[in-house]
Protein backbone atom coordinates (compact mmCIF):
# COMPACT_ATOMS: atom_id res chain seq x y z
CA MET A 1 7.35 -0.69 4.85
CA MET A 2 3.39 -0.67 4.65
CA TYR A 3 0.90 -2.87 4.11
CA ILE A 4 -1.83 -1.64 1.82
CA GLU A 5 -5.60 -3.32 0.59
CA LYS A 6 -7.75 -2.06 -1.50
CA ALA A 7 -11.21 -2.31 0.14
CA ALA A 8 -13.73 -4.34 -1.28
CA ASN A 9 -17.36 -5.53 -0.62
CA ASP A 10 -15.95 -9.20 0.06
CA HIS A 11 -12.77 -8.95 1.84
CA ASN A 12 -10.87 -10.12 -0.89
CA GLY A 13 -9.47 -6.87 -2.37
CA PRO A 14 -5.93 -6.69 -3.48
CA ALA A 15 -2.88 -6.11 -1.21
CA TRP A 16 0.32 -5.20 -1.31
CA ILE A 17 3.63 -4.71 0.55
CA GLY A 18 5.92 -1.96 0.21
CA TYR A 19 7.19 1.18 0.40
CA VAL A 20 5.06 3.83 1.02
CA GLU A 21 6.25 7.73 0.37
CA PHE A 22 4.60 10.54 2.53
CA SER A 23 4.02 13.61 2.00
CA ARG A 24 5.55 16.18 4.33
CA THR A 25 1.92 16.96 6.02
CA GLY A 26 1.82 12.83 5.68
CA GLN A 27 -1.74 13.79 4.35
CA SER A 28 -0.67 11.89 1.18
CA ALA A 29 0.84 8.58 0.25
CA TYR A 30 2.46 7.54 -2.44
CA PHE A 31 2.67 4.12 -3.73
CA ASN A 32 3.04 2.13 -7.21
CA GLY A 33 2.28 4.86 -9.12
CA GLN A 34 -0.81 5.96 -7.15
CA ALA A 35 -1.30 8.32 -4.63
CA PHE A 36 -4.37 8.50 -2.14
CA SER A 37 -5.53 11.10 0.47
CA GLY A 38 -5.53 10.46 4.00
CA GLY A 39 -2.34 9.35 4.80
CA ARG A 40 -2.61 6.64 7.05
CA GLY A 41 -5.86 4.36 7.50
CA ASN A 42 -8.45 4.61 5.70
CA CYS A 43 -7.60 6.43 2.18
CA ARG A 44 -8.84 7.25 -1.06
CA ASN A 45 -7.09 6.84 -4.17
CA ILE A 46 -6.54 10.59 -5.47
CA GLU A 47 -7.71 9.46 -9.15
CA THR A 48 -10.01 6.70 -9.02
CA GLY A 49 -11.66 7.26 -5.73
CA ASP A 50 -11.18 3.88 -4.19
CA TYR A 51 -10.50 3.61 -0.96
CA TYR A 52 -7.49 1.68 0.18
CA TRP A 53 -6.39 0.64 4.06
CA ILE A 54 -2.73 1.85 4.49
CA THR A 55 -1.29 0.51 7.34
CA GLY A 56 2.34 -0.64 9.45
CA VAL A 57 3.36 -4.55 8.33
CA LYS A 58 2.34 -6.59 11.39
CA LYS A 59 4.89 -8.99 12.27
CA ARG A 60 2.36 -12.14 12.90
CA GLY A 61 0.94 -11.91 9.18
CA SER A 62 -2.31 -10.83 10.29
CA ASN A 63 -2.62 -7.05 8.55
CA ARG A 64 -5.71 -8.92 5.63
CA ARG A 65 -9.20 -7.91 7.78
CA VAL A 66 -10.84 -10.34 9.22
CA PHE A 67 -12.56 -12.03 6.55
CA GLY A 68 -9.93 -11.49 3.76
CA HIS A 69 -8.65 -13.57 1.57
CA GLY A 70 -5.99 -13.88 -1.40
CA LYS A 71 -2.57 -13.37 -1.44
CA VAL A 72 -0.60 -10.23 -0.37
CA LEU A 73 2.07 -8.85 -2.99
CA VAL A 74 5.26 -8.40 -1.51
CA SER A 75 7.38 -5.99 -3.44
CA ARG A 76 10.90 -7.20 -4.67
CA ASP A 77 12.39 -3.41 -3.30
CA SER A 78 11.04 -4.11 0.43
CA LEU A 79 11.23 -8.41 0.35
CA ALA A 80 14.58 -8.85 2.72
CA GLU A 81 13.18 -5.82 5.01
CA PHE A 82 9.60 -7.90 5.07
CA LEU A 83 11.54 -11.19 5.44
CA ALA A 84 13.45 -9.82 8.44
CA LEU A 85 10.45 -8.80 10.35
CA LYS A 86 9.14 -12.07 9.52
CA GLY A 87 12.55 -14.14 11.10
CA TRP A 88 11.73 -16.09 7.78
CA GLU A 89 14.55 -16.96 4.97
CA ILE A 90 12.22 -17.80 2.05
CA LEU A 91 9.07 -16.17 0.98
CA ASP A 92 6.28 -18.45 2.07
CA GLU A 93 4.52 -18.55 -1.40
CA THR A 94 0.81 -20.04 -0.06
CA ASP A 95 0.21 -16.36 0.72
CA TYR A 96 2.26 -14.18 -0.54
CA ASP A 97 4.51 -13.45 -4.11
CA LEU A 98 6.30 -10.89 -5.72
CA PHE A 99 6.00 -7.91 -7.49
CA ASP A 100 7.82 -5.09 -8.86
CA ALA A 101 6.47 -2.08 -7.81
CA LEU A 102 6.33 1.14 -10.39
CA PRO A 103 7.33 4.36 -9.71
CA THR A 104 4.77 7.23 -8.58
CA ASP A 105 5.62 10.91 -10.19
CA ILE A 106 4.47 12.55 -6.95
CA ALA A 107 4.65 16.05 -8.74
CA LYS A 108 1.83 14.80 -10.94
CA PHE A 109 -0.37 14.17 -8.28
CA THR A 110 0.76 17.21 -6.18
CA GLU A 111 0.12 19.49 -9.28
CA MET A 112 -3.29 17.43 -9.41
CA GLN A 113 -4.20 18.42 -5.69
CA ASN A 114 -3.24 21.87 -5.95
CA ALA A 115 -5.57 22.48 -9.26
CA LYS A 116 -8.55 20.64 -7.56
CA HIS A 117 -7.78 23.19 -4.56
CA GLY A 118 -7.63 26.27 -6.74
CA GLY A 119 -3.62 26.71 -6.24
């Protein structure tokens, strides 16, 4: 379970908590129908080039960047683990909402990256 935030100049980019898959090397991350190069920390969306921040979920809830605002979306499939981490019985709807994560076609992105690198 990871925290994902789209980088934005106003620090209010959309943010999610959900399950992220990593490539064997750890240099690619896959989440919600998207692929990112860089693995963890500062990453780039392989298709759009947009920057994202991918990191572990903090128990104290301070994942948002210092000046960030807005609700964080929690994938339904990670809700139980997230609630357990926080020690909550129900989701705090002041700061969080639920969403259904899309499957990611990892083979599609692997093919894109191989073509880009001539292999």
